[in-house]
Amino acid sequence: MIPFLYTFLTFLKTLITLLKDPKFRSLMYLTWITLAGGTVFYHKVEGWRWLDSFYFSVITLATVGYGDLAPKTDLGKLFTVIYIFTGLGILLGFVNPIGEYIINQRLQKAEQKQEGENTRK
């Protein structure tokens, strides 16, 4: 439980820090718009509940694809193909800076620790 809590808090701290960057905020808004668009589409075209539609949008763009939901209509299938190709790039563009920031923070801490050890010698 503690490792999960630490990871979650690190993620939240990173998000708060990155939200100061206008480029990152734009990616975040684009990600939410993409997820909202998919959610509305699947709700209207496939007739799924809102939660099921949002769930399918997230697992599709995250490339998890559990297979518990799948579009049945031809329009839904065609939309999903386009949605995956466009949405995946947007989602990766949003997640990548988060990973880079966390890695850079950890590298800086490791370098500071190494410098501290070198100073003591």
Protein backbone atom coordinates (compact mmCIF):
# COMPACT_ATOMS: atom_id res chain seq x y z
CA MET A 1 0.00 0.00 0.00
CA ILE A 2 2.79 2.44 0.85
CA PRO A 3 4.61 2.06 -2.51
CA PHE A 4 1.32 2.74 -4.31
CA LEU A 5 0.66 5.79 -2.15
CA TYR A 6 4.18 7.11 -2.75
CA THR A 7 3.83 6.58 -6.51
CA PHE A 8 0.42 8.24 -6.56
CA LEU A 9 1.65 11.26 -4.59
CA THR A 10 4.70 11.56 -6.88
CA PHE A 11 2.36 11.49 -9.88
CA LEU A 12 0.11 14.19 -8.38
CA LYS A 13 3.09 16.39 -7.49
CA THR A 14 4.40 15.99 -11.03
CA LEU A 15 1.03 16.90 -12.56
CA ILE A 16 0.76 20.02 -10.40
CA THR A 17 4.27 21.09 -11.40
CA LEU A 18 3.74 20.39 -15.10
CA LEU A 19 0.41 22.25 -15.19
CA LYS A 20 2.43 25.47 -15.02
CA ASP A 21 3.70 24.72 -18.53
CA PRO A 22 1.25 25.97 -21.21
CA LYS A 23 2.29 23.23 -23.65
CA PHE A 24 1.55 20.52 -21.11
CA ARG A 25 -1.79 22.12 -20.22
CA SER A 26 -2.69 22.12 -23.92
CA LEU A 27 -1.88 18.40 -24.16
CA MET A 28 -3.95 17.72 -21.05
CA TYR A 29 -6.95 19.60 -22.47
CA LEU A 30 -6.56 17.80 -25.80
CA THR A 31 -6.44 14.46 -23.97
CA TRP A 32 -9.63 15.24 -22.03
CA ILE A 33 -11.38 16.46 -25.18
CA THR A 34 -10.38 13.25 -26.99
CA LEU A 35 -11.64 11.06 -24.14
CA ALA A 36 -14.85 13.09 -23.86
CA GLY A 37 -15.42 12.86 -27.63
CA GLY A 38 -14.99 9.09 -27.58
CA THR A 39 -17.25 8.80 -24.55
CA VAL A 40 -20.05 10.79 -26.18
CA PHE A 41 -19.67 8.89 -29.46
CA TYR A 42 -19.87 5.44 -27.87
CA HIS A 43 -22.77 6.51 -25.68
CA LYS A 44 -24.76 7.80 -28.65
CA VAL A 45 -23.81 5.30 -31.38
CA GLU A 46 -23.30 2.09 -29.42
CA GLY A 47 -25.94 2.88 -26.78
CA TRP A 48 -23.59 2.18 -23.87
CA ARG A 49 -23.94 3.74 -20.43
CA TRP A 50 -21.77 6.83 -19.80
CA LEU A 51 -19.40 4.96 -17.52
CA ASP A 52 -19.00 2.08 -19.99
CA SER A 53 -18.35 4.56 -22.80
CA PHE A 54 -15.68 6.42 -20.79
CA TYR A 55 -14.15 3.12 -19.64
CA PHE A 56 -13.92 1.86 -23.23
CA SER A 57 -12.38 5.15 -24.39
CA VAL A 58 -9.68 4.97 -21.72
CA ILE A 59 -8.77 1.31 -22.15
CA THR A 60 -8.73 1.70 -25.94
CA LEU A 61 -6.38 4.70 -25.93
CA ALA A 62 -4.21 3.13 -23.24
CA THR A 63 -3.98 0.05 -25.51
CA VAL A 64 -5.14 -2.23 -22.70
CA GLY A 65 -8.13 -3.62 -24.57
CA TYR A 66 -9.62 -6.10 -22.11
CA GLY A 67 -12.16 -7.22 -24.71
CA ASP A 68 -15.14 -6.96 -22.38
CA LEU A 69 -16.64 -4.23 -24.56
CA ALA A 70 -16.44 -3.91 -28.33
CA PRO A 71 -18.27 -1.78 -30.88
CA LYS A 72 -21.05 -3.66 -32.66
CA THR A 73 -22.03 -1.12 -35.32
CA ASP A 74 -20.04 -0.53 -38.50
CA LEU A 75 -19.84 3.17 -37.69
CA GLY A 76 -18.55 2.33 -34.21
CA LYS A 77 -15.87 0.04 -35.64
CA LEU A 78 -14.71 2.63 -38.19
CA PHE A 79 -14.64 5.35 -35.54
CA THR A 80 -12.60 3.13 -33.23
CA VAL A 81 -9.91 2.61 -35.87
CA ILE A 82 -9.55 6.36 -36.40
CA TYR A 83 -9.90 7.02 -32.66
CA ILE A 84 -7.02 4.67 -31.84
CA PHE A 85 -4.62 6.18 -34.37
CA THR A 86 -5.32 9.79 -33.43
CA GLY A 87 -6.00 9.34 -29.74
CA LEU A 88 -2.99 7.16 -29.04
CA GLY A 89 -0.61 9.86 -30.25
CA ILE A 90 -2.37 12.47 -28.14
CA LEU A 91 -2.35 10.28 -25.03
CA LEU A 92 1.32 9.42 -25.45
CA GLY A 93 2.13 13.08 -25.96
CA PHE A 94 0.45 13.76 -22.61
CA VAL A 95 2.04 10.88 -20.66
CA ASN A 96 5.58 11.27 -22.03
CA PRO A 97 6.38 14.59 -20.29
CA ILE A 98 5.18 13.14 -16.99
CA GLY A 99 7.61 10.23 -17.27
CA GLU A 100 10.44 12.47 -18.39
CA TYR A 101 9.90 14.83 -15.45
CA ILE A 102 9.86 12.00 -12.90
CA ILE A 103 13.02 10.45 -14.37
CA ASN A 104 14.81 13.82 -14.40
CA GLN A 105 13.85 14.45 -10.77
CA ARG A 106 15.20 11.07 -9.72
CA LEU A 107 18.42 11.59 -11.69
CA GLN A 108 18.92 14.97 -10.03
CA LYS A 109 18.44 13.43 -6.58
CA ALA A 110 20.89 10.65 -7.41
CA GLU A 111 23.47 13.19 -8.64
CA GLN A 112 23.05 15.30 -5.51
CA LYS A 113 23.48 12.22 -3.34
CA GLN A 114 26.60 11.24 -5.30
CA GLU A 115 28.03 14.76 -4.94
CA GLY A 116 27.35 14.66 -1.20
CA GLU A 117 29.18 11.37 -0.87
CA ASN A 118 32.13 12.70 -2.91
CA THR A 119 32.32 15.79 -0.71
CA ARG A 120 32.53 13.69 2.47
CA LYS A 121 35.48 11.67 1.15
